[in-house]
Amino acid sequence: MTLSEPVLETATLAGGCFWCLEAAFLPLKGVQSVQSGYMGGRRDNPSYEQVCTGATGHAEVVQVRFDPDIIRFQELLEIFFVVHDPTTLNRQGNDVGTQYRSAIFWHSPEQRSTAEAAIANLVSAGAFSAPIVTEVTQATTFWPAEAYHDDYYARHPNQPYCQFVVAPKVAKVRSAFQHRLK
């Protein structure tokens, strides 16, 4: 008997700065990798500087490779809606612009229906006091971010943005989803 490799799925999520999302998803059981990048815009192979202008139409995203036998897409979305504010249009805290929009880029019809159902459930439960503005749209080309963004929080935990913005989001995931941590 040989052990087979897990069949991994991909989730692509935008919820503000990709450093925050990467740090939130990396410690989860079943998550094989998280890569920062750009999606949803008009420019091929954009740079961070170009995306920051808002002129490319791209959002900062993370592409999460995960084993659905260990963590389901629905569970990733639960965490996604905890670590960012899906009610602020083109903004997360002090990060403002279309590149910081809330979006779920689906890779299959099943992901699309799961995302739409997750939002509908949050709305019916009154989970937020304002309307959810998260886009649910088909994934397009993923453009990897520059290498210096990889593991940014792990490499720069004392950087002020990491201390005041990323760390509280990581702590929220550790507290609320302790059972999901590696």
N, C-alpha and C. Protein backbone atom coordinates (compact mmCIF):
# COMPACT_ATOMS: atom_id res chain seq x y z
N MET A 1 0.85 -1.18 0.00
CA MET A 1 0.00 0.00 0.00
C MET A 1 0.89 1.24 0.00
N THR A 2 0.60 2.17 -0.88
CA THR A 2 1.35 3.41 -0.93
C THR A 2 0.43 4.55 -0.52
N LEU A 3 1.05 5.51 0.11
CA LEU A 3 0.30 6.70 0.49
C LEU A 3 0.22 7.63 -0.71
N SER A 4 -0.97 8.09 -1.00
CA SER A 4 -1.12 9.02 -2.11
C SER A 4 -1.03 10.45 -1.61
N GLU A 5 -0.64 11.30 -2.50
CA GLU A 5 -0.56 12.73 -2.19
C GLU A 5 -1.98 13.27 -2.06
N PRO A 6 -2.19 14.20 -1.15
CA PRO A 6 -3.53 14.79 -1.04
C PRO A 6 -3.87 15.59 -2.29
N VAL A 7 -5.13 15.61 -2.64
CA VAL A 7 -5.59 16.44 -3.74
C VAL A 7 -5.90 17.81 -3.16
N LEU A 8 -5.07 18.77 -3.53
CA LEU A 8 -5.21 20.11 -2.97
C LEU A 8 -6.16 20.96 -3.81
N GLU A 9 -6.82 21.88 -3.13
CA GLU A 9 -7.66 22.88 -3.79
C GLU A 9 -7.03 24.25 -3.57
N THR A 10 -7.51 25.22 -4.31
CA THR A 10 -7.02 26.59 -4.22
C THR A 10 -8.17 27.52 -3.84
N ALA A 11 -7.90 28.40 -2.90
CA ALA A 11 -8.82 29.48 -2.55
C ALA A 11 -8.06 30.79 -2.76
N THR A 12 -8.71 31.75 -3.38
CA THR A 12 -8.09 33.06 -3.57
C THR A 12 -8.99 34.11 -2.93
N LEU A 13 -8.42 34.83 -1.95
CA LEU A 13 -9.19 35.74 -1.12
C LEU A 13 -8.52 37.11 -1.04
N ALA A 14 -9.35 38.15 -1.04
CA ALA A 14 -8.87 39.52 -0.88
C ALA A 14 -9.60 40.14 0.31
N GLY A 15 -8.84 40.63 1.26
CA GLY A 15 -9.45 41.24 2.44
C GLY A 15 -8.51 42.24 3.07
N GLY A 16 -8.06 43.18 2.30
CA GLY A 16 -7.10 44.16 2.80
C GLY A 16 -5.68 43.74 2.46
N CYS A 17 -4.77 44.12 3.30
CA CYS A 17 -3.35 43.83 3.08
C CYS A 17 -3.10 42.33 3.08
N PHE A 18 -2.38 41.86 2.08
CA PHE A 18 -2.14 40.42 2.00
C PHE A 18 -1.23 39.90 3.09
N TRP A 19 -0.46 40.76 3.74
CA TRP A 19 0.38 40.30 4.86
C TRP A 19 -0.52 39.76 5.98
N CYS A 20 -1.65 40.44 6.21
CA CYS A 20 -2.58 40.01 7.27
C CYS A 20 -3.18 38.65 6.95
N LEU A 21 -3.67 38.50 5.74
CA LEU A 21 -4.31 37.24 5.37
C LEU A 21 -3.32 36.09 5.36
N GLU A 22 -2.13 36.33 4.84
CA GLU A 22 -1.11 35.27 4.81
C GLU A 22 -0.82 34.78 6.23
N ALA A 23 -0.60 35.70 7.14
CA ALA A 23 -0.27 35.33 8.53
C ALA A 23 -1.44 34.62 9.22
N ALA A 24 -2.67 34.96 8.85
CA ALA A 24 -3.84 34.33 9.45
C ALA A 24 -4.05 32.90 8.96
N PHE A 25 -3.78 32.64 7.70
CA PHE A 25 -4.05 31.32 7.12
C PHE A 25 -2.90 30.33 7.24
N LEU A 26 -1.67 30.81 7.31
CA LEU A 26 -0.50 29.90 7.35
C LEU A 26 -0.53 28.89 8.50
N PRO A 27 -0.94 29.25 9.72
CA PRO A 27 -0.86 28.28 10.81
C PRO A 27 -1.98 27.24 10.87
N LEU A 28 -2.86 27.21 9.87
CA LEU A 28 -4.01 26.32 9.93
C LEU A 28 -3.69 24.91 9.44
N LYS A 29 -4.22 23.92 10.15
CA LYS A 29 -4.11 22.53 9.71
C LYS A 29 -4.76 22.40 8.35
N GLY A 30 -4.10 21.70 7.45
CA GLY A 30 -4.65 21.49 6.12
C GLY A 30 -4.23 22.52 5.10
N VAL A 31 -3.69 23.65 5.56
CA VAL A 31 -3.19 24.67 4.63
C VAL A 31 -1.75 24.30 4.28
N GLN A 32 -1.52 24.05 3.00
CA GLN A 32 -0.19 23.65 2.54
C GLN A 32 0.69 24.86 2.22
N SER A 33 0.08 25.91 1.68
CA SER A 33 0.85 27.10 1.34
C SER A 33 -0.08 28.30 1.21
N VAL A 34 0.49 29.48 1.40
CA VAL A 34 -0.22 30.73 1.20
C VAL A 34 0.73 31.65 0.45
N GLN A 35 0.29 32.14 -0.69
CA GLN A 35 1.14 33.03 -1.48
C GLN A 35 0.41 34.34 -1.72
N SER A 36 1.11 35.43 -1.47
CA SER A 36 0.56 36.76 -1.73
C SER A 36 0.66 37.09 -3.20
N GLY A 37 -0.31 37.84 -3.69
CA GLY A 37 -0.28 38.22 -5.09
C GLY A 37 -1.39 39.21 -5.41
N TYR A 38 -1.70 39.26 -6.70
CA TYR A 38 -2.66 40.23 -7.21
C TYR A 38 -3.63 39.54 -8.16
N MET A 39 -4.89 39.97 -8.15
CA MET A 39 -5.90 39.40 -9.05
C MET A 39 -7.03 40.40 -9.24
N GLY A 40 -7.72 40.23 -10.34
CA GLY A 40 -8.95 40.99 -10.57
C GLY A 40 -8.78 42.27 -11.34
N GLY A 41 -7.59 42.52 -11.86
CA GLY A 41 -7.34 43.78 -12.55
C GLY A 41 -7.08 43.61 -14.03
N ARG A 42 -6.59 44.69 -14.62
CA ARG A 42 -6.41 44.77 -16.06
C ARG A 42 -4.96 44.67 -16.52
N ARG A 43 -4.01 44.77 -15.63
CA ARG A 43 -2.61 44.84 -16.04
C ARG A 43 -1.93 43.49 -15.84
N ASP A 44 -1.21 43.03 -16.85
CA ASP A 44 -0.43 41.80 -16.74
C ASP A 44 0.80 42.05 -15.88
N ASN A 45 1.12 41.06 -15.05
CA ASN A 45 2.33 41.07 -14.23
C ASN A 45 2.55 42.40 -13.51
N PRO A 46 1.58 42.84 -12.72
CA PRO A 46 1.72 44.13 -12.05
C PRO A 46 2.74 44.08 -10.92
N SER A 47 3.29 45.22 -10.61
CA SER A 47 4.19 45.34 -9.47
C SER A 47 3.39 45.87 -8.28
N TYR A 48 3.95 45.71 -7.09
CA TYR A 48 3.32 46.22 -5.88
C TYR A 48 3.07 47.72 -6.00
N GLU A 49 4.05 48.44 -6.50
CA GLU A 49 3.92 49.89 -6.64
C GLU A 49 2.78 50.25 -7.58
N GLN A 50 2.63 49.50 -8.68
CA GLN A 50 1.54 49.76 -9.62
C GLN A 50 0.18 49.46 -8.99
N VAL A 51 0.09 48.35 -8.26
CA VAL A 51 -1.18 47.98 -7.62
C VAL A 51 -1.55 49.01 -6.57
N CYS A 52 -0.58 49.53 -5.84
CA CYS A 52 -0.84 50.52 -4.79
C CYS A 52 -1.44 51.81 -5.33
N THR A 53 -1.26 52.11 -6.60
CA THR A 53 -1.86 53.32 -7.17
C THR A 53 -3.36 53.17 -7.34
N GLY A 54 -3.84 51.92 -7.37
CA GLY A 54 -5.25 51.66 -7.62
C GLY A 54 -5.61 51.66 -9.10
N ALA A 55 -4.67 52.02 -9.95
CA ALA A 55 -4.95 52.15 -11.39
C ALA A 55 -4.99 50.80 -12.12
N THR A 56 -4.47 49.74 -11.54
CA THR A 56 -4.43 48.45 -12.24
C THR A 56 -5.75 47.69 -12.11
N GLY A 57 -6.56 48.02 -11.11
CA GLY A 57 -7.79 47.29 -10.86
C GLY A 57 -7.59 46.01 -10.07
N HIS A 58 -6.34 45.66 -9.79
CA HIS A 58 -6.06 44.44 -9.03
C HIS A 58 -6.31 44.64 -7.54
N ALA A 59 -6.64 43.56 -6.88
CA ALA A 59 -6.72 43.53 -5.42
C ALA A 59 -5.52 42.78 -4.90
N GLU A 60 -5.07 43.14 -3.71
CA GLU A 60 -4.08 42.32 -3.01
C GLU A 60 -4.82 41.07 -2.56
N VAL A 61 -4.30 39.90 -2.91
CA VAL A 61 -4.95 38.64 -2.58
C VAL A 61 -3.94 37.68 -1.97
N VAL A 62 -4.48 36.63 -1.36
CA VAL A 62 -3.66 35.47 -1.02
C VAL A 62 -4.25 34.27 -1.75
N GLN A 63 -3.37 33.44 -2.24
CA GLN A 63 -3.79 32.18 -2.84
C GLN A 63 -3.42 31.08 -1.85
N VAL A 64 -4.45 30.43 -1.33
CA VAL A 64 -4.30 29.42 -0.30
C VAL A 64 -4.44 28.05 -0.95
N ARG A 65 -3.42 27.21 -0.81
CA ARG A 65 -3.50 25.81 -1.27
C ARG A 65 -3.82 24.99 -0.02
N PHE A 66 -4.90 24.21 -0.09
CA PHE A 66 -5.37 23.50 1.09
C PHE A 66 -5.87 22.11 0.75
N ASP A 67 -5.83 21.25 1.77
CA ASP A 67 -6.33 19.88 1.66
C ASP A 67 -7.77 19.87 2.16
N PRO A 68 -8.75 19.70 1.28
CA PRO A 68 -10.15 19.76 1.70
C PRO A 68 -10.57 18.60 2.60
N ASP A 69 -9.74 17.57 2.70
CA ASP A 69 -10.03 16.48 3.64
C ASP A 69 -9.70 16.89 5.07
N ILE A 70 -8.92 17.97 5.22
CA ILE A 70 -8.53 18.45 6.55
C ILE A 70 -9.24 19.75 6.91
N ILE A 71 -9.32 20.66 5.96
CA ILE A 71 -10.02 21.94 6.18
C ILE A 71 -10.84 22.24 4.94
N ARG A 72 -12.10 22.50 5.14
CA ARG A 72 -13.00 22.77 4.02
C ARG A 72 -12.94 24.25 3.62
N PHE A 73 -13.33 24.52 2.38
CA PHE A 73 -13.41 25.89 1.88
C PHE A 73 -14.30 26.73 2.78
N GLN A 74 -15.41 26.16 3.22
CA GLN A 74 -16.33 26.86 4.13
C GLN A 74 -15.62 27.33 5.40
N GLU A 75 -14.74 26.50 5.95
CA GLU A 75 -13.99 26.87 7.15
C GLU A 75 -13.00 28.00 6.85
N LEU A 76 -12.38 27.97 5.68
CA LEU A 76 -11.50 29.08 5.30
C LEU A 76 -12.30 30.38 5.24
N LEU A 77 -13.52 30.31 4.71
CA LEU A 77 -14.35 31.51 4.63
C LEU A 77 -14.75 32.02 6.01
N GLU A 78 -15.01 31.11 6.95
CA GLU A 78 -15.33 31.53 8.31
C GLU A 78 -14.19 32.36 8.89
N ILE A 79 -12.97 31.90 8.67
CA ILE A 79 -11.80 32.62 9.16
C ILE A 79 -11.64 33.94 8.41
N PHE A 80 -11.82 33.90 7.10
CA PHE A 80 -11.75 35.10 6.26
C PHE A 80 -12.66 36.20 6.79
N PHE A 81 -13.91 35.84 7.16
CA PHE A 81 -14.85 36.85 7.63
C PHE A 81 -14.58 37.31 9.05
N VAL A 82 -13.71 36.61 9.77
CA VAL A 82 -13.31 37.04 11.11
C VAL A 82 -12.12 38.00 11.06
N VAL A 83 -11.22 37.81 10.09
CA VAL A 83 -9.98 38.60 10.09
C VAL A 83 -10.04 39.90 9.29
N HIS A 84 -11.18 40.16 8.65
CA HIS A 84 -11.30 41.45 7.97
C HIS A 84 -12.73 41.93 8.10
N ASP A 85 -12.95 43.19 7.75
CA ASP A 85 -14.28 43.78 7.82
C ASP A 85 -14.89 43.76 6.42
N PRO A 86 -15.84 42.85 6.17
CA PRO A 86 -16.43 42.74 4.84
C PRO A 86 -17.48 43.81 4.54
N THR A 87 -17.63 44.78 5.43
CA THR A 87 -18.65 45.83 5.24
C THR A 87 -18.06 47.15 4.79
N THR A 88 -16.75 47.24 4.68
CA THR A 88 -16.13 48.50 4.26
C THR A 88 -15.69 48.40 2.81
N LEU A 89 -16.23 49.24 1.97
CA LEU A 89 -15.94 49.21 0.54
C LEU A 89 -14.55 49.78 0.27
N ASN A 90 -13.70 48.96 -0.33
CA ASN A 90 -12.36 49.40 -0.74
C ASN A 90 -11.54 49.95 0.42
N ARG A 91 -11.66 49.30 1.57
CA ARG A 91 -10.94 49.79 2.73
C ARG A 91 -10.85 48.71 3.80
N GLN A 92 -9.69 48.66 4.46
CA GLN A 92 -9.51 47.88 5.68
C GLN A 92 -8.68 48.76 6.61
N GLY A 93 -9.32 49.31 7.62
CA GLY A 93 -8.61 50.21 8.53
C GLY A 93 -8.08 51.40 7.78
N ASN A 94 -6.77 51.66 7.94
CA ASN A 94 -6.15 52.80 7.26
C ASN A 94 -5.73 52.49 5.84
N ASP A 95 -5.86 51.23 5.41
CA ASP A 95 -5.53 50.84 4.04
C ASP A 95 -6.75 51.13 3.16
N VAL A 96 -6.61 52.11 2.27
CA VAL A 96 -7.75 52.57 1.47
C VAL A 96 -7.42 52.46 -0.02
N GLY A 97 -8.39 52.00 -0.79
CA GLY A 97 -8.26 51.89 -2.24
C GLY A 97 -8.84 50.57 -2.73
N THR A 98 -9.12 50.50 -4.02
CA THR A 98 -9.73 49.29 -4.58
C THR A 98 -8.84 48.06 -4.39
N GLN A 99 -7.56 48.26 -4.23
CA GLN A 99 -6.65 47.13 -4.03
C GLN A 99 -6.87 46.46 -2.67
N TYR A 100 -7.61 47.11 -1.78
CA TYR A 100 -7.88 46.55 -0.45
C TYR A 100 -9.33 46.08 -0.31
N ARG A 101 -10.01 45.90 -1.43
CA ARG A 101 -11.41 45.47 -1.39
C ARG A 101 -11.55 44.05 -0.84
N SER A 102 -12.75 43.74 -0.43
CA SER A 102 -13.09 42.40 0.06
C SER A 102 -13.63 41.60 -1.12
N ALA A 103 -12.99 40.45 -1.40
CA ALA A 103 -13.43 39.64 -2.54
C ALA A 103 -13.08 38.18 -2.32
N ILE A 104 -13.96 37.34 -2.83
CA ILE A 104 -13.72 35.90 -2.90
C ILE A 104 -13.67 35.57 -4.39
N PHE A 105 -12.53 35.12 -4.86
CA PHE A 105 -12.35 34.74 -6.25
C PHE A 105 -12.51 33.23 -6.34
N TRP A 106 -13.64 32.78 -6.87
CA TRP A 106 -13.94 31.36 -6.87
C TRP A 106 -13.27 30.63 -8.03
N HIS A 107 -12.91 29.36 -7.74
CA HIS A 107 -12.22 28.51 -8.72
C HIS A 107 -13.10 27.38 -9.24
N SER A 108 -14.32 27.26 -8.71
CA SER A 108 -15.24 26.22 -9.16
C SER A 108 -16.66 26.68 -8.85
N PRO A 109 -17.65 26.12 -9.52
CA PRO A 109 -19.04 26.45 -9.19
C PRO A 109 -19.37 26.13 -7.73
N GLU A 110 -18.76 25.08 -7.18
CA GLU A 110 -19.00 24.73 -5.78
C GLU A 110 -18.48 25.82 -4.85
N GLN A 111 -17.29 26.37 -5.14
CA GLN A 111 -16.77 27.47 -4.33
C GLN A 111 -17.68 28.69 -4.43
N ARG A 112 -18.17 28.95 -5.63
CA ARG A 112 -19.07 30.10 -5.80
C ARG A 112 -20.31 29.94 -4.93
N SER A 113 -20.95 28.78 -4.99
CA SER A 113 -22.18 28.59 -4.20
C SER A 113 -21.89 28.58 -2.71
N THR A 114 -20.74 28.05 -2.30
CA THR A 114 -20.36 28.06 -0.89
C THR A 114 -20.15 29.50 -0.41
N ALA A 115 -19.48 30.31 -1.23
CA ALA A 115 -19.24 31.72 -0.87
C ALA A 115 -20.55 32.48 -0.78
N GLU A 116 -21.43 32.30 -1.75
CA GLU A 116 -22.70 33.01 -1.74
C GLU A 116 -23.54 32.59 -0.53
N ALA A 117 -23.52 31.28 -0.21
CA ALA A 117 -24.27 30.79 0.96
C ALA A 117 -23.69 31.33 2.25
N ALA A 118 -22.36 31.41 2.34
CA ALA A 118 -21.72 31.94 3.55
C ALA A 118 -22.13 33.39 3.79
N ILE A 119 -22.15 34.18 2.73
CA ILE A 119 -22.56 35.58 2.86
C ILE A 119 -24.03 35.67 3.25
N ALA A 120 -24.87 34.87 2.60
CA ALA A 120 -26.30 34.88 2.91
C ALA A 120 -26.54 34.49 4.38
N ASN A 121 -25.78 33.52 4.87
CA ASN A 121 -25.93 33.10 6.27
C ASN A 121 -25.52 34.21 7.23
N LEU A 122 -24.44 34.92 6.90
CA LEU A 122 -24.00 36.03 7.74
C LEU A 122 -25.04 37.14 7.76
N VAL A 123 -25.62 37.42 6.59
CA VAL A 123 -26.65 38.45 6.50
C VAL A 123 -27.87 38.05 7.32
N SER A 124 -28.34 36.82 7.13
CA SER A 124 -29.55 36.40 7.85
C SER A 124 -29.33 36.32 9.36
N ALA A 125 -28.08 36.05 9.77
CA ALA A 125 -27.77 35.99 11.20
C ALA A 125 -27.55 37.38 11.80
N GLY A 126 -27.49 38.41 10.94
CA GLY A 126 -27.21 39.76 11.43
C GLY A 126 -25.82 39.89 12.02
N ALA A 127 -24.87 39.17 11.42
CA ALA A 127 -23.50 39.13 11.95
C ALA A 127 -22.81 40.49 11.90
N PHE A 128 -23.22 41.35 10.97
CA PHE A 128 -22.60 42.67 10.84
C PHE A 128 -23.70 43.72 10.85
N SER A 129 -23.39 44.89 11.37
CA SER A 129 -24.38 45.96 11.47
C SER A 129 -24.54 46.75 10.16
N ALA A 130 -23.65 46.51 9.22
CA ALA A 130 -23.71 47.17 7.92
C ALA A 130 -23.75 46.10 6.83
N PRO A 131 -24.16 46.47 5.62
CA PRO A 131 -24.22 45.48 4.53
C PRO A 131 -22.84 44.92 4.17
N ILE A 132 -22.80 43.65 3.84
CA ILE A 132 -21.56 43.00 3.38
C ILE A 132 -21.34 43.40 1.93
N VAL A 133 -20.13 43.89 1.63
CA VAL A 133 -19.80 44.35 0.28
C VAL A 133 -18.80 43.42 -0.42
N THR A 134 -18.55 42.27 0.14
CA THR A 134 -17.60 41.31 -0.43
C THR A 134 -18.05 40.89 -1.83
N GLU A 135 -17.15 41.04 -2.80
CA GLU A 135 -17.41 40.58 -4.16
C GLU A 135 -17.23 39.07 -4.21
N VAL A 136 -18.06 38.39 -4.98
CA VAL A 136 -17.88 36.98 -5.27
C VAL A 136 -17.76 36.90 -6.78
N THR A 137 -16.55 36.63 -7.24
CA THR A 137 -16.27 36.70 -8.67
C THR A 137 -15.33 35.58 -9.10
N GLN A 138 -15.40 35.21 -10.34
CA GLN A 138 -14.57 34.12 -10.84
C GLN A 138 -13.10 34.51 -10.82
N ALA A 139 -12.27 33.55 -10.41
CA ALA A 139 -10.83 33.78 -10.39
C ALA A 139 -10.32 34.00 -11.81
N THR A 140 -9.37 34.91 -11.90
CA THR A 140 -8.68 35.18 -13.17
C THR A 140 -7.21 34.86 -12.94
N THR A 141 -6.35 35.41 -13.74
CA THR A 141 -4.92 35.14 -13.59
C THR A 141 -4.41 35.63 -12.25
N PHE A 142 -3.70 34.76 -11.56
CA PHE A 142 -3.04 35.11 -10.30
C PHE A 142 -1.63 35.56 -10.62
N TRP A 143 -1.30 36.76 -10.18
CA TRP A 143 0.04 37.30 -10.38
C TRP A 143 0.74 37.30 -9.03
N PRO A 144 1.77 36.45 -8.84
CA PRO A 144 2.48 36.41 -7.55
C PRO A 144 3.10 37.76 -7.21
N ALA A 145 3.04 38.10 -5.94
CA ALA A 145 3.69 39.33 -5.46
C ALA A 145 5.20 39.11 -5.42
N GLU A 146 5.90 40.19 -5.29
CA GLU A 146 7.35 40.15 -5.19
C GLU A 146 7.77 39.31 -3.98
N ALA A 147 8.91 38.66 -4.06
CA ALA A 147 9.38 37.72 -3.03
C ALA A 147 9.50 38.36 -1.65
N TYR A 148 9.75 39.65 -1.58
CA TYR A 148 9.92 40.27 -0.26
C TYR A 148 8.63 40.31 0.55
N HIS A 149 7.48 39.99 -0.09
CA HIS A 149 6.21 39.92 0.64
C HIS A 149 6.01 38.55 1.31
N ASP A 150 6.76 37.53 0.86
CA ASP A 150 6.59 36.19 1.41
C ASP A 150 6.93 36.14 2.89
N ASP A 151 6.06 35.51 3.67
CA ASP A 151 6.27 35.36 5.11
C ASP A 151 6.60 36.69 5.78
N TYR A 152 5.97 37.75 5.33
CA TYR A 152 6.32 39.09 5.80
C TYR A 152 6.17 39.23 7.31
N TYR A 153 5.07 38.78 7.85
CA TYR A 153 4.85 38.90 9.29
C TYR A 153 5.86 38.08 10.08
N ALA A 154 6.13 36.87 9.63
CA ALA A 154 7.10 36.02 10.33
C ALA A 154 8.51 36.63 10.31
N ARG A 155 8.84 37.31 9.23
CA ARG A 155 10.17 37.90 9.10
C ARG A 155 10.28 39.29 9.73
N HIS A 156 9.15 39.96 9.93
CA HIS A 156 9.17 41.34 10.45
C HIS A 156 8.15 41.54 11.58
N PRO A 157 8.14 40.70 12.59
CA PRO A 157 7.10 40.80 13.63
C PRO A 157 7.15 42.10 14.43
N ASN A 158 8.30 42.76 14.46
CA ASN A 158 8.42 44.00 15.24
C ASN A 158 8.19 45.26 14.42
N GLN A 159 7.95 45.10 13.12
CA GLN A 159 7.65 46.24 12.28
C GLN A 159 6.31 46.83 12.76
N PRO A 160 6.18 48.14 12.88
CA PRO A 160 4.96 48.73 13.45
C PRO A 160 3.65 48.25 12.80
N TYR A 161 3.58 48.17 11.48
CA TYR A 161 2.35 47.70 10.84
C TYR A 161 2.03 46.27 11.29
N CYS A 162 3.05 45.45 11.38
CA CYS A 162 2.84 44.07 11.82
C CYS A 162 2.35 44.02 13.26
N GLN A 163 2.93 44.85 14.12
CA GLN A 163 2.53 44.86 15.54
C GLN A 163 1.10 45.35 15.73
N PHE A 164 0.72 46.40 15.01
CA PHE A 164 -0.56 47.05 15.27
C PHE A 164 -1.71 46.59 14.37
N VAL A 165 -1.40 45.99 13.22
CA VAL A 165 -2.45 45.56 12.30
C VAL A 165 -2.47 44.03 12.14
N VAL A 166 -1.33 43.45 11.81
CA VAL A 166 -1.29 42.01 11.54
C VAL A 166 -1.44 41.19 12.83
N ALA A 167 -0.67 41.52 13.85
CA ALA A 167 -0.67 40.73 15.09
C ALA A 167 -2.06 40.57 15.71
N PRO A 168 -2.89 41.62 15.80
CA PRO A 168 -4.23 41.42 16.36
C PRO A 168 -5.09 40.45 15.54
N LYS A 169 -4.92 40.44 14.23
CA LYS A 169 -5.68 39.52 13.38
C LYS A 169 -5.21 38.09 13.60
N VAL A 170 -3.91 37.90 13.72
CA VAL A 170 -3.36 36.57 14.00
C VAL A 170 -3.85 36.09 15.36
N ALA A 171 -3.85 36.98 16.34
CA ALA A 171 -4.32 36.62 17.68
C ALA A 171 -5.80 36.24 17.66
N LYS A 172 -6.59 36.93 16.87
CA LYS A 172 -8.02 36.63 16.76
C LYS A 172 -8.22 35.21 16.20
N VAL A 173 -7.43 34.85 15.18
CA VAL A 173 -7.53 33.51 14.60
C VAL A 173 -7.08 32.47 15.62
N ARG A 174 -5.98 32.74 16.30
CA ARG A 174 -5.49 31.77 17.31
C ARG A 174 -6.52 31.55 18.41
N SER A 175 -7.22 32.60 18.78
CA SER A 175 -8.21 32.49 19.85
C SER A 175 -9.49 31.79 19.37
N ALA A 176 -10.01 32.24 18.26
CA ALA A 176 -11.31 31.74 17.79
C ALA A 176 -11.22 30.38 17.10
N PHE A 177 -10.05 30.06 16.54
CA PHE A 177 -9.93 28.83 15.76
C PHE A 177 -8.78 27.96 16.25
N GLN A 178 -8.57 27.95 17.55
CA GLN A 178 -7.46 27.20 18.15
C GLN A 178 -7.48 25.73 17.71
N HIS A 179 -8.65 25.17 17.58
CA HIS A 179 -8.79 23.77 17.17
C HIS A 179 -8.34 23.53 15.74
N ARG A 180 -8.17 24.58 14.93
CA ARG A 180 -7.76 24.45 13.54
C ARG A 180 -6.25 24.65 13.34
N LEU A 181 -5.52 25.00 14.41
CA LEU A 181 -4.10 25.31 14.27
C LEU A 181 -3.24 24.05 14.17
N LYS A 182 -2.13 24.20 13.45
CA LYS A 182 -1.17 23.09 13.28
C LYS A 182 -0.52 22.78 14.61
